[in-house]
Amino acid sequence: MTRTTLLRTPLWSVIAWWAALTGILWLAGTALGHPAPLTGCAPSAALLVAVGECGDWLRRHWTARRGGRSAP
């Protein structure tokens, strides 16, 4: 794989998660009677994706530092 291909795959994954969460937040707000515009849901979804990606990075980093052992 080339460097460009390696960067594109995670990028599309993050965009897909962001789009899905934006839709879920918008639908949930509409269903609960508190509709919000998509422009209001998009930043919240971006924050959730950023926190999730940081948490995943930390988990992988700590697992690698422990030598790949899983927690009991």
PDB file of N, CA and C in Angstrom:
ATOM      1  N   MET A   1       0.835  -1.187   0.000  1.00  0.00           N
ATOM      2  CA  MET A   1       0.000   0.000   0.000  1.00  0.00           C
ATOM      3  C   MET A   1       0.876   1.246   0.000  1.00  0.00           C
ATOM      4  N   THR A   2       0.414   2.225  -0.687  1.00  0.00           N
ATOM      5  CA  THR A   2       1.148   3.483  -0.699  1.00  0.00           C
ATOM      6  C   THR A   2       0.753   4.318   0.514  1.00  0.00           C
ATOM      7  N   ARG A   3       1.525   5.336   0.781  1.00  0.00           N
ATOM      8  CA  ARG A   3       1.237   6.214   1.924  1.00  0.00           C
ATOM      9  C   ARG A   3      -0.125   6.884   1.763  1.00  0.00           C
ATOM     10  N   THR A   4      -0.463   7.288   0.550  1.00  0.00           N
ATOM     11  CA  THR A   4      -1.752   7.933   0.300  1.00  0.00           C
ATOM     12  C   THR A   4      -2.900   6.981   0.599  1.00  0.00           C
ATOM     13  N   THR A   5      -2.768   5.726   0.194  1.00  0.00           N
ATOM     14  CA  THR A   5      -3.810   4.740   0.461  1.00  0.00           C
ATOM     15  C   THR A   5      -3.953   4.503   1.957  1.00  0.00           C
ATOM     16  N   LEU A   6      -2.829   4.456   2.664  1.00  0.00           N
ATOM     17  CA  LEU A   6      -2.877   4.246   4.114  1.00  0.00           C
ATOM     18  C   LEU A   6      -3.560   5.396   4.836  1.00  0.00           C
ATOM     19  N   LEU A   7      -3.462   6.610   4.307  1.00  0.00           N
ATOM     20  CA  LEU A   7      -4.106   7.763   4.935  1.00  0.00           C
ATOM     21  C   LEU A   7      -5.580   7.859   4.563  1.00  0.00           C
ATOM     22  N   ARG A   8      -5.933   7.430   3.363  1.00  0.00           N
ATOM     23  CA  ARG A   8      -7.321   7.546   2.913  1.00  0.00           C
ATOM     24  C   ARG A   8      -8.263   6.627   3.668  1.00  0.00           C
ATOM     25  N   THR A   9      -7.833   5.408   3.949  1.00  0.00           N
ATOM     26  CA  THR A   9      -8.715   4.446   4.602  1.00  0.00           C
ATOM     27  C   THR A   9      -9.202   4.948   5.959  1.00  0.00           C
ATOM     28  N   PRO A  10      -8.317   5.385   6.868  1.00  0.00           N
ATOM     29  CA  PRO A  10      -8.824   5.906   8.145  1.00  0.00           C
ATOM     30  C   PRO A  10      -9.647   7.182   7.972  1.00  0.00           C
ATOM     31  N   LEU A  11      -9.294   7.999   6.989  1.00  0.00           N
ATOM     32  CA  LEU A  11     -10.026   9.234   6.766  1.00  0.00           C
ATOM     33  C   LEU A  11     -11.472   8.934   6.385  1.00  0.00           C
ATOM     34  N   TRP A  12     -11.686   8.009   5.471  1.00  0.00           N
ATOM     35  CA  TRP A  12     -13.052   7.655   5.074  1.00  0.00           C
ATOM     36  C   TRP A  12     -13.808   7.021   6.233  1.00  0.00           C
ATOM     37  N   SER A  13     -13.113   6.283   7.066  1.00  0.00           N
ATOM     38  CA  SER A  13     -13.757   5.682   8.230  1.00  0.00           C
ATOM     39  C   SER A  13     -14.248   6.755   9.197  1.00  0.00           C
ATOM     40  N   VAL A  14     -13.426   7.757   9.445  1.00  0.00           N
ATOM     41  CA  VAL A  14     -13.803   8.844  10.353  1.00  0.00           C
ATOM     42  C   VAL A  14     -14.963   9.648   9.760  1.00  0.00           C
ATOM     43  N   ILE A  15     -14.918   9.908   8.457  1.00  0.00           N
ATOM     44  CA  ILE A  15     -16.007  10.640   7.806  1.00  0.00           C
ATOM     45  C   ILE A  15     -17.302   9.854   7.886  1.00  0.00           C
ATOM     46  N   ALA A  16     -17.224   8.547   7.702  1.00  0.00           N
ATOM     47  CA  ALA A  16     -18.424   7.713   7.777  1.00  0.00           C
ATOM     48  C   ALA A  16     -19.021   7.734   9.182  1.00  0.00           C
ATOM     49  N   TRP A  17     -18.161   7.631  10.218  1.00  0.00           N
ATOM     50  CA  TRP A  17     -18.643   7.692  11.598  1.00  0.00           C
ATOM     51  C   TRP A  17     -19.277   9.046  11.890  1.00  0.00           C
ATOM     52  N   TRP A  18     -18.633  10.115  11.426  1.00  0.00           N
ATOM     53  CA  TRP A  18     -19.156  11.453  11.647  1.00  0.00           C
ATOM     54  C   TRP A  18     -20.527  11.617  10.991  1.00  0.00           C
ATOM     55  N   ALA A  19     -20.660  11.173   9.746  1.00  0.00           N
ATOM     56  CA  ALA A  19     -21.941  11.295   9.038  1.00  0.00           C
ATOM     57  C   ALA A  19     -23.021  10.466   9.725  1.00  0.00           C
ATOM     58  N   ALA A  20     -22.675   9.260  10.142  1.00  0.00           N
ATOM     59  CA  ALA A  20     -23.652   8.401  10.817  1.00  0.00           C
ATOM     60  C   ALA A  20     -24.095   9.014  12.144  1.00  0.00           C
ATOM     61  N   LEU A  21     -23.158   9.503  12.925  1.00  0.00           N
ATOM     62  CA  LEU A  21     -23.518  10.117  14.207  1.00  0.00           C
ATOM     63  C   LEU A  21     -24.321  11.396  14.018  1.00  0.00           C
ATOM     64  N   THR A  22     -24.015  12.165  12.999  1.00  0.00           N
ATOM     65  CA  THR A  22     -24.800  13.371  12.711  1.00  0.00           C
ATOM     66  C   THR A  22     -26.246  12.984  12.438  1.00  0.00           C
ATOM     67  N   GLY A  23     -26.441  11.971  11.609  1.00  0.00           N
ATOM     68  CA  GLY A  23     -27.795  11.508  11.307  1.00  0.00           C
ATOM     69  C   GLY A  23     -28.511  10.956  12.528  1.00  0.00           C
ATOM     70  N   ILE A  24     -27.801  10.201  13.333  1.00  0.00           N
ATOM     71  CA  ILE A  24     -28.407   9.626  14.540  1.00  0.00           C
ATOM     72  C   ILE A  24     -28.819  10.718  15.516  1.00  0.00           C
ATOM     73  N   LEU A  25     -27.937  11.701  15.733  1.00  0.00           N
ATOM     74  CA  LEU A  25     -28.290  12.801  16.633  1.00  0.00           C
ATOM     75  C   LEU A  25     -29.481  13.591  16.111  1.00  0.00           C
ATOM     76  N   TRP A  26     -29.505  13.839  14.815  1.00  0.00           N
ATOM     77  CA  TRP A  26     -30.617  14.588  14.224  1.00  0.00           C
ATOM     78  C   TRP A  26     -31.924  13.807  14.350  1.00  0.00           C
ATOM     79  N   LEU A  27     -31.877  12.503  14.029  1.00  0.00           N
ATOM     80  CA  LEU A  27     -33.086  11.676  14.140  1.00  0.00           C
ATOM     81  C   LEU A  27     -33.556  11.550  15.592  1.00  0.00           C
ATOM     82  N   ALA A  28     -32.638  11.385  16.512  1.00  0.00           N
ATOM     83  CA  ALA A  28     -33.009  11.261  17.920  1.00  0.00           C
ATOM     84  C   ALA A  28     -33.643  12.553  18.421  1.00  0.00           C
ATOM     85  N   GLY A  29     -33.087  13.679  18.055  1.00  0.00           N
ATOM     86  CA  GLY A  29     -33.678  14.953  18.461  1.00  0.00           C
ATOM     87  C   GLY A  29     -35.060  15.149  17.885  1.00  0.00           C
ATOM     88  N   THR A  30     -35.228  14.784  16.620  1.00  0.00           N
ATOM     89  CA  THR A  30     -36.535  14.906  15.978  1.00  0.00           C
ATOM     90  C   THR A  30     -37.545  13.966  16.628  1.00  0.00           C
ATOM     91  N   ALA A  31     -37.133  12.734  16.904  1.00  0.00           N
ATOM     92  CA  ALA A  31     -38.036  11.751  17.506  1.00  0.00           C
ATOM     93  C   ALA A  31     -38.450  12.150  18.919  1.00  0.00           C
ATOM     94  N   LEU A  32     -37.564  12.821  19.635  1.00  0.00           N
ATOM     95  CA  LEU A  32     -37.866  13.210  21.009  1.00  0.00           C
ATOM     96  C   LEU A  32     -38.552  14.574  21.110  1.00  0.00           C
ATOM     97  N   GLY A  33     -38.814  15.185  19.962  1.00  0.00           N
ATOM     98  CA  GLY A  33     -39.530  16.449  19.961  1.00  0.00           C
ATOM     99  C   GLY A  33     -38.665  17.675  20.128  1.00  0.00           C
ATOM    100  N   HIS A  34     -37.370  17.513  19.994  1.00  0.00           N
ATOM    101  CA  HIS A  34     -36.434  18.639  20.102  1.00  0.00           C
ATOM    102  C   HIS A  34     -35.602  18.715  18.831  1.00  0.00           C
ATOM    103  N   PRO A  35     -36.234  19.034  17.709  1.00  0.00           N
ATOM    104  CA  PRO A  35     -35.484  19.018  16.453  1.00  0.00           C
ATOM    105  C   PRO A  35     -34.378  20.074  16.432  1.00  0.00           C
ATOM    106  N   ALA A  36     -33.259  19.688  15.878  1.00  0.00           N
ATOM    107  CA  ALA A  36     -32.133  20.595  15.706  1.00  0.00           C
ATOM    108  C   ALA A  36     -31.703  20.518  14.247  1.00  0.00           C
ATOM    109  N   PRO A  37     -31.209  21.607  13.716  1.00  0.00           N
ATOM    110  CA  PRO A  37     -30.740  21.551  12.331  1.00  0.00           C
ATOM    111  C   PRO A  37     -29.493  20.674  12.226  1.00  0.00           C
ATOM    112  N   LEU A  38     -29.253  20.161  11.038  1.00  0.00           N
ATOM    113  CA  LEU A  38     -28.065  19.341  10.837  1.00  0.00           C
ATOM    114  C   LEU A  38     -26.786  20.114  11.157  1.00  0.00           C
ATOM    115  N   THR A  39     -26.818  21.421  10.936  1.00  0.00           N
ATOM    116  CA  THR A  39     -25.633  22.233  11.249  1.00  0.00           C
ATOM    117  C   THR A  39     -25.379  22.312  12.751  1.00  0.00           C
ATOM    118  N   GLY A  40     -26.369  22.012  13.545  1.00  0.00           N
ATOM    119  CA  GLY A  40     -26.179  21.959  14.988  1.00  0.00           C
ATOM    120  C   GLY A  40     -25.731  20.587  15.456  1.00  0.00           C
ATOM    121  N   CYS A  41     -26.134  19.564  14.740  1.00  0.00           N
ATOM    122  CA  CYS A  41     -25.769  18.199  15.115  1.00  0.00           C
ATOM    123  C   CYS A  41     -24.359  17.832  14.653  1.00  0.00           C
ATOM    124  N   ALA A  42     -23.914  18.422  13.556  1.00  0.00           N
ATOM    125  CA  ALA A  42     -22.611  18.071  12.990  1.00  0.00           C
ATOM    126  C   ALA A  42     -21.444  18.352  13.936  1.00  0.00           C
ATOM    127  N   PRO A  43     -21.386  19.515  14.607  1.00  0.00           N
ATOM    128  CA  PRO A  43     -20.265  19.730  15.533  1.00  0.00           C
ATOM    129  C   PRO A  43     -20.287  18.774  16.725  1.00  0.00           C
ATOM    130  N   SER A  44     -21.464  18.441  17.204  1.00  0.00           N
ATOM    131  CA  SER A  44     -21.559  17.490  18.321  1.00  0.00           C
ATOM    132  C   SER A  44     -21.058  16.119  17.892  1.00  0.00           C
ATOM    133  N   ALA A  45     -21.431  15.712  16.692  1.00  0.00           N
ATOM    134  CA  ALA A  45     -20.964  14.430  16.181  1.00  0.00           C
ATOM    135  C   ALA A  45     -19.450  14.452  15.985  1.00  0.00           C
ATOM    136  N   ALA A  46     -18.918  15.572  15.520  1.00  0.00           N
ATOM    137  CA  ALA A  46     -17.467  15.682  15.336  1.00  0.00           C
ATOM    138  C   ALA A  46     -16.744  15.546  16.673  1.00  0.00           C
ATOM    139  N   LEU A  47     -17.295  16.150  17.721  1.00  0.00           N
ATOM    140  CA  LEU A  47     -16.704  16.027  19.047  1.00  0.00           C
ATOM    141  C   LEU A  47     -16.729  14.573  19.526  1.00  0.00           C
ATOM    142  N   LEU A  48     -17.853  13.898  19.337  1.00  0.00           N
ATOM    143  CA  LEU A  48     -17.949  12.494  19.747  1.00  0.00           C
ATOM    144  C   LEU A  48     -16.948  11.627  18.989  1.00  0.00           C
ATOM    145  N   VAL A  49     -16.802  11.863  17.690  1.00  0.00           N
ATOM    146  CA  VAL A  49     -15.843  11.097  16.889  1.00  0.00           C
ATOM    147  C   VAL A  49     -14.422  11.383  17.361  1.00  0.00           C
ATOM    148  N   ALA A  50     -14.099  12.640  17.636  1.00  0.00           N
ATOM    149  CA  ALA A  50     -12.749  12.997  18.089  1.00  0.00           C
ATOM    150  C   ALA A  50     -12.425  12.329  19.427  1.00  0.00           C
ATOM    151  N   VAL A  51     -13.366  12.359  20.350  1.00  0.00           N
ATOM    152  CA  VAL A  51     -13.143  11.719  21.651  1.00  0.00           C
ATOM    153  C   VAL A  51     -12.986  10.209  21.477  1.00  0.00           C
ATOM    154  N   GLY A  52     -13.801   9.624  20.639  1.00  0.00           N
ATOM    155  CA  GLY A  52     -13.701   8.185  20.388  1.00  0.00           C
ATOM    156  C   GLY A  52     -12.384   7.791  19.745  1.00  0.00           C
ATOM    157  N   GLU A  53     -11.928   8.572  18.776  1.00  0.00           N
ATOM    158  CA  GLU A  53     -10.652   8.279  18.120  1.00  0.00           C
ATOM    159  C   GLU A  53      -9.488   8.447  19.091  1.00  0.00           C
ATOM    160  N   CYS A  54      -9.533   9.462  19.940  1.00  0.00           N
ATOM    161  CA  CYS A  54      -8.472   9.643  20.949  1.00  0.00           C
ATOM    162  C   CYS A  54      -8.466   8.488  21.939  1.00  0.00           C
ATOM    163  N   GLY A  55      -9.630   8.061  22.360  1.00  0.00           N
ATOM    164  CA  GLY A  55      -9.720   6.925  23.271  1.00  0.00           C
ATOM    165  C   GLY A  55      -9.195   5.654  22.638  1.00  0.00           C
ATOM    166  N   ASP A  56      -9.486   5.437  21.366  1.00  0.00           N
ATOM    167  CA  ASP A  56      -8.983   4.261  20.662  1.00  0.00           C
ATOM    168  C   ASP A  56      -7.463   4.317  20.544  1.00  0.00           C
ATOM    169  N   TRP A  57      -6.933   5.510  20.239  1.00  0.00           N
ATOM    170  CA  TRP A  57      -5.488   5.658  20.135  1.00  0.00           C
ATOM    171  C   TRP A  57      -4.818   5.356  21.478  1.00  0.00           C
ATOM    172  N   LEU A  58      -5.390   5.875  22.568  1.00  0.00           N
ATOM    173  CA  LEU A  58      -4.820   5.609  23.897  1.00  0.00           C
ATOM    174  C   LEU A  58      -4.867   4.124  24.237  1.00  0.00           C
ATOM    175  N   ARG A  59      -5.977   3.471  23.916  1.00  0.00           N
ATOM    176  CA  ARG A  59      -6.093   2.039  24.190  1.00  0.00           C
ATOM    177  C   ARG A  59      -5.025   1.253  23.437  1.00  0.00           C
ATOM    178  N   ARG A  60      -4.847   1.568  22.147  1.00  0.00           N
ATOM    179  CA  ARG A  60      -3.827   0.872  21.358  1.00  0.00           C
ATOM    180  C   ARG A  60      -2.427   1.186  21.872  1.00  0.00           C
ATOM    181  N   HIS A  61      -2.187   2.422  22.278  1.00  0.00           N
ATOM    182  CA  HIS A  61      -0.878   2.822  22.797  1.00  0.00           C
ATOM    183  C   HIS A  61      -0.560   2.073  24.089  1.00  0.00           C
ATOM    184  N   TRP A  62      -1.501   2.020  25.011  1.00  0.00           N
ATOM    185  CA  TRP A  62      -1.268   1.330  26.277  1.00  0.00           C
ATOM    186  C   TRP A  62      -1.107  -0.169  26.078  1.00  0.00           C
ATOM    187  N   THR A  63      -1.871  -0.749  25.151  1.00  0.00           N
ATOM    188  CA  THR A  63      -1.735  -2.175  24.877  1.00  0.00           C
ATOM    189  C   THR A  63      -0.352  -2.479  24.316  1.00  0.00           C
ATOM    190  N   ALA A  64       0.134  -1.635  23.430  1.00  0.00           N
ATOM    191  CA  ALA A  64       1.461  -1.836  22.853  1.00  0.00           C
ATOM    192  C   ALA A  64       2.555  -1.694  23.913  1.00  0.00           C
ATOM    193  N   ARG A  65       2.386  -0.779  24.844  1.00  0.00           N
ATOM    194  CA  ARG A  65       3.403  -0.580  25.908  1.00  0.00           C
ATOM    195  C   ARG A  65       3.439  -1.738  26.865  1.00  0.00           C
ATOM    196  N   ARG A  66       2.300  -2.417  27.060  1.00  0.00           N
ATOM    197  CA  ARG A  66       2.268  -3.583  27.952  1.00  0.00           C
ATOM    198  C   ARG A  66       2.743  -4.843  27.259  1.00  0.00           C
ATOM    199  N   GLY A  67       3.120  -4.725  26.006  1.00  0.00           N
ATOM    200  CA  GLY A  67       3.605  -5.888  25.281  1.00  0.00           C
ATOM    201  C   GLY A  67       2.496  -6.682  24.626  1.00  0.00           C
ATOM    202  N   GLY A  68       1.342  -6.097  24.438  1.00  0.00           N
ATOM    203  CA  GLY A  68       0.258  -6.787  23.750  1.00  0.00           C
ATOM    204  C   GLY A  68      -0.580  -7.678  24.633  1.00  0.00           C
ATOM    205  N   ARG A  69      -0.303  -7.677  25.933  1.00  0.00           N
ATOM    206  CA  ARG A  69      -1.094  -8.513  26.846  1.00  0.00           C
ATOM    207  C   ARG A  69      -2.456  -7.881  27.049  1.00  0.00           C
ATOM    208  N   SER A  70      -3.472  -8.700  27.109  1.00  0.00           N
ATOM    209  CA  SER A  70      -4.801  -8.184  27.392  1.00  0.00           C
ATOM    210  C   SER A  70      -5.031  -8.143  28.892  1.00  0.00           C
ATOM    211  N   ALA A  71      -5.910  -7.279  29.315  1.00  0.00           N
ATOM    212  CA  ALA A  71      -6.209  -7.136  30.746  1.00  0.00           C
ATOM    213  C   ALA A  71      -6.963  -8.370  31.228  1.00  0.00           C
ATOM    214  N   PRO A  72      -6.776  -8.763  32.490  1.00  0.00           N
ATOM    215  CA  PRO A  72      -7.487  -9.940  33.028  1.00  0.00           C
ATOM    216  C   PRO A  72      -8.960  -9.718  33.161  1.00  0.00           C
TER     217      PRO A  72
END
